[in-house]
Protein backbone atom coordinates (compact mmCIF):
# COMPACT_ATOMS: atom_id res chain seq x y z
CA MET A 1 5.34 -0.06 13.46
CA LYS A 2 3.83 2.29 10.91
CA ASP A 3 5.93 3.72 8.13
CA PRO A 4 6.64 7.46 8.48
CA LEU A 5 4.57 9.79 6.31
CA VAL A 6 6.36 11.30 3.33
CA ARG A 7 5.31 14.65 1.95
CA PHE A 8 5.34 15.13 -1.82
CA SER A 9 3.77 17.70 -4.09
CA VAL A 10 1.50 17.26 -7.07
CA ALA A 11 1.13 19.93 -9.73
CA ILE A 12 -2.45 20.02 -10.92
CA GLY A 13 -4.85 22.70 -12.03
CA GLY A 14 -7.82 23.68 -14.09
CA GLU A 15 -10.87 21.50 -14.53
CA LEU A 16 -9.15 18.35 -13.17
CA LEU A 17 -8.45 20.08 -9.84
CA ARG A 18 -11.98 21.52 -9.68
CA ARG A 19 -13.46 18.05 -10.29
CA PHE A 20 -11.10 16.49 -7.76
CA ASP A 21 -12.16 19.04 -5.11
CA ARG A 22 -15.83 18.29 -5.84
CA TYR A 23 -15.06 14.57 -5.49
CA ARG A 24 -13.27 15.20 -2.17
CA GLU A 25 -16.22 17.19 -0.81
CA LYS A 26 -18.82 14.70 -2.05
CA HIS A 27 -16.98 11.81 -0.37
CA ARG A 28 -16.35 13.81 2.81
CA TYR A 29 -12.57 13.61 2.79
CA PRO A 30 -11.29 16.22 5.28
CA ASN A 31 -8.47 17.34 2.97
CA ARG A 32 -6.79 16.64 -0.37
CA SER A 33 -4.14 14.37 1.19
CA GLU A 34 -6.81 12.00 2.53
CA ALA A 35 -8.58 12.01 -0.83
CA VAL A 36 -5.35 11.20 -2.70
CA ARG A 37 -4.59 8.44 -0.17
CA GLY A 38 -8.08 7.00 -0.67
CA LEU A 39 -7.78 7.01 -4.46
CA MET A 40 -4.30 5.46 -4.32
CA THR A 41 -5.51 2.67 -2.04
CA ALA A 42 -8.54 2.03 -4.29
CA ALA A 43 -6.24 1.74 -7.32
CA LEU A 44 -3.98 -0.72 -5.48
CA VAL A 45 -6.99 -2.80 -4.40
CA GLU A 46 -8.15 -2.93 -8.04
CA GLU A 47 -4.68 -4.14 -9.02
CA VAL A 48 -4.87 -6.90 -6.38
CA ILE A 49 -8.33 -8.14 -7.38
CA ASP A 50 -7.32 -8.19 -11.06
CA ARG A 51 -4.95 -11.09 -10.18
CA GLU A 52 -6.91 -14.36 -10.08
CA GLU A 53 -4.69 -15.90 -7.38
CA SER A 54 -4.93 -12.94 -4.96
CA GLU A 55 -6.72 -13.47 -1.63
CA ALA A 56 -9.95 -11.48 -1.68
CA MET A 57 -13.10 -10.76 0.28
CA GLY A 58 -16.30 -10.72 -1.71
CA VAL A 59 -19.75 -9.46 -0.74
CA VAL A 60 -22.57 -11.04 -2.73
CA THR A 61 -26.04 -9.50 -2.53
CA LEU A 62 -29.00 -11.46 -3.85
CA VAL A 63 -32.69 -10.61 -4.09
CA TYR A 64 -35.11 -13.45 -4.83
CA ASP A 65 -38.70 -14.58 -4.46
CA HIS A 66 -38.61 -17.31 -1.84
CA HIS A 67 -41.67 -18.94 -3.47
CA ALA A 68 -39.62 -19.67 -6.62
CA GLY A 69 -39.00 -23.43 -6.60
CA ARG A 70 -36.46 -24.44 -3.95
CA ILE A 71 -34.38 -21.26 -4.41
CA ALA A 72 -33.49 -20.89 -0.71
CA GLU A 73 -32.56 -24.56 -0.53
CA ARG A 74 -30.39 -24.33 -3.66
CA LEU A 75 -28.55 -21.26 -2.36
CA THR A 76 -27.93 -22.97 1.00
CA GLU A 77 -26.65 -26.14 -0.75
CA LEU A 78 -24.23 -24.07 -2.83
CA GLN A 79 -22.89 -22.42 0.32
CA HIS A 80 -22.55 -25.73 2.17
CA GLY A 81 -20.48 -27.01 -0.72
CA HIS A 82 -17.99 -24.17 -0.21
CA LEU A 83 -17.55 -23.92 3.58
CA ASP A 84 -13.93 -22.86 3.13
CA GLN A 85 -15.08 -19.75 1.24
CA VAL A 86 -18.35 -18.76 2.93
CA VAL A 87 -17.67 -16.63 6.01
CA THR A 88 -21.22 -15.60 6.89
CA THR A 89 -24.69 -15.16 5.45
CA THR A 90 -27.42 -12.72 6.48
CA HIS A 91 -31.00 -13.18 5.35
CA VAL A 92 -33.60 -10.38 5.41
CA HIS A 93 -37.29 -10.54 4.51
CA LEU A 94 -38.05 -7.56 2.24
CA ASP A 95 -41.77 -8.22 1.95
CA ALA A 96 -44.23 -11.14 1.91
CA ASN A 97 -42.47 -12.73 -1.08
CA ARG A 98 -39.01 -11.30 -1.61
CA CYS A 99 -35.83 -11.91 0.38
CA LEU A 100 -32.43 -10.24 0.46
CA GLU A 101 -29.41 -12.42 1.18
CA VAL A 102 -25.94 -10.99 1.80
CA ILE A 103 -23.10 -13.51 1.67
CA LEU A 104 -19.51 -12.73 2.70
CA LEU A 105 -16.92 -14.82 0.83
CA ARG A 106 -13.16 -15.20 1.25
CA GLY A 107 -10.60 -16.93 -0.97
CA PRO A 108 -8.61 -16.58 -4.19
CA VAL A 109 -10.27 -14.10 -6.56
CA SER A 110 -10.93 -16.80 -9.18
CA GLN A 111 -12.76 -19.07 -6.69
CA VAL A 112 -14.74 -16.20 -5.16
CA ARG A 113 -15.88 -15.09 -8.63
CA VAL A 114 -16.96 -18.62 -9.63
CA LEU A 115 -18.97 -19.14 -6.45
CA ALA A 116 -20.52 -15.65 -6.73
CA ASP A 117 -21.47 -16.33 -10.38
CA ASN A 118 -23.10 -19.63 -9.37
CA LEU A 119 -25.08 -17.92 -6.59
CA ILE A 120 -26.14 -14.96 -8.75
CA GLY A 121 -26.98 -17.24 -11.69
CA SER A 122 -29.19 -19.55 -9.63
CA LYS A 123 -32.68 -19.95 -11.07
CA GLY A 124 -35.06 -17.68 -9.18
CA VAL A 125 -32.55 -14.93 -8.29
CA GLU A 126 -34.02 -11.60 -9.45
CA THR A 127 -30.86 -9.57 -9.01
CA GLY A 128 -27.36 -10.16 -7.70
CA ARG A 129 -24.09 -8.34 -7.38
CA LEU A 130 -20.51 -9.10 -6.29
CA VAL A 131 -18.23 -6.48 -4.72
CA LEU A 132 -14.59 -7.51 -4.26
CA THR A 133 -11.79 -6.11 -2.13
CA ALA A 134 -8.33 -7.27 -1.09
CA ALA A 135 -8.30 -9.56 1.96
CA SER A 136 -4.97 -8.19 3.19
CA PRO A 137 -3.89 -4.56 3.54
CA VAL A 138 -2.54 -3.23 0.25
CA ALA A 139 -0.32 -0.59 1.84
CA GLY A 140 0.25 1.60 4.84
CA SER A 141 -1.18 -0.48 7.67
CA GLY A 142 2.10 -1.45 9.30
CA SER A 143 0.97 -5.07 9.63
CA SER A 144 2.03 -8.13 7.72
CA PRO A 145 -0.40 -9.86 5.36
CA ALA A 146 -2.30 -12.98 6.41
CA PRO A 147 -1.11 -16.41 5.21
CA ALA A 148 -2.08 -17.00 1.58
CA ASP A 149 -4.03 -20.15 2.30
CA GLY A 150 -6.31 -18.30 4.72
CA ASP A 151 -7.13 -21.54 6.54
CA ALA A 152 -3.89 -22.19 8.36
CA GLN A 153 -4.89 -20.66 11.68
CA HIS A 154 -8.65 -20.71 11.96
CA ALA A 155 -11.32 -22.99 13.32
CA HIS A 156 -14.67 -23.35 11.62
CA ASP A 157 -17.72 -23.35 13.88
CA HIS A 158 -20.77 -24.13 11.77
CA GLU A 159 -24.19 -24.24 13.40
CA HIS A 160 -27.20 -26.00 11.91
CA VAL A 161 -30.78 -25.11 12.75
CA ASP A 162 -33.56 -27.59 13.42
CA GLU A 163 -37.22 -27.44 12.39
CA ASP A 164 -38.22 -25.56 15.56
CA THR A 165 -35.89 -22.62 14.83
CA LEU A 166 -36.88 -22.02 11.20
CA GLY A 167 -38.30 -18.63 10.24
CA HIS A 168 -41.90 -18.14 9.15
CA HIS A 169 -40.95 -18.83 5.51
CA GLY A 170 -39.62 -22.28 6.41
CA HIS A 171 -35.93 -21.42 6.19
CA GLU A 172 -33.38 -20.00 8.57
CA GLN A 173 -33.12 -16.24 8.84
CA GLU A 174 -29.40 -16.08 9.58
CA HIS A 175 -26.75 -18.59 8.65
CA SER A 176 -23.16 -18.13 9.78
CA HIS A 177 -19.73 -19.64 9.43
CA ARG A 178 -17.76 -18.10 12.26
CA ILE A 179 -14.01 -17.73 11.89
CA SER A 180 -11.66 -17.05 14.78
CA ARG A 181 -8.03 -16.40 14.00
CA GLY A 182 -6.56 -16.11 17.50
CA ALA A 183 -4.25 -13.35 18.69
CA GLY A 184 -3.25 -12.31 15.17
CA ALA A 185 -6.82 -11.64 14.12
CA ARG A 186 -7.57 -8.57 12.03
CA ARG A 187 -11.01 -7.14 11.42
CA LEU A 188 -12.11 -5.81 8.08
CA ARG A 189 -12.18 -2.06 8.41
CA GLY A 190 -13.78 0.59 6.30
CA LYS A 191 -12.82 4.22 6.36
CA ARG A 192 -15.21 6.13 8.60
CA LYS A 193 -16.28 9.43 7.23
CA PRO A 194 -18.03 12.20 9.15
CA ALA A 195 -21.82 11.96 9.14
CA ARG A 196 -23.62 14.27 6.79
CA PRO A 197 -25.39 17.19 8.46
């Protein structure tokens, strides 16, 4: 059951209010209440991911030249060594040489950061970035957080590809670790905003 909404007032004016209204319009919030709610949630997420032991989701994006010595193999080996943290990997060919890999990680913030740093710091990676968010709702969802260990109620189905299914660069194009959590499963949700005209 969701908590009831509570109305409260905020006294604000001048340049701060004008900038806030520009922010609200730029980010397509329908009203000030939604914008305040969004900023509050973002602040609470930041507080969660500042704690090393907090359960987090991390999105790592990597761009690399697949011709650079064994880079794809090294990245795959790193992921195989952390099956409890790697949720899924998507691989996209940007051009004849360069690849984009997006890797979704889950685990304590400290472990997610270490694995992300190892992936991003791999020899041959041109550019990499980690974006973190809280794995459980920070407030206002009406649901209880997932178990801290994250592994208590899920099965790991990991598929391997053989030589006949490899992409034209000699490595798999998509690599997944599927997680099913049963009846209590929750999907990661992002706030949908109206499309721009």
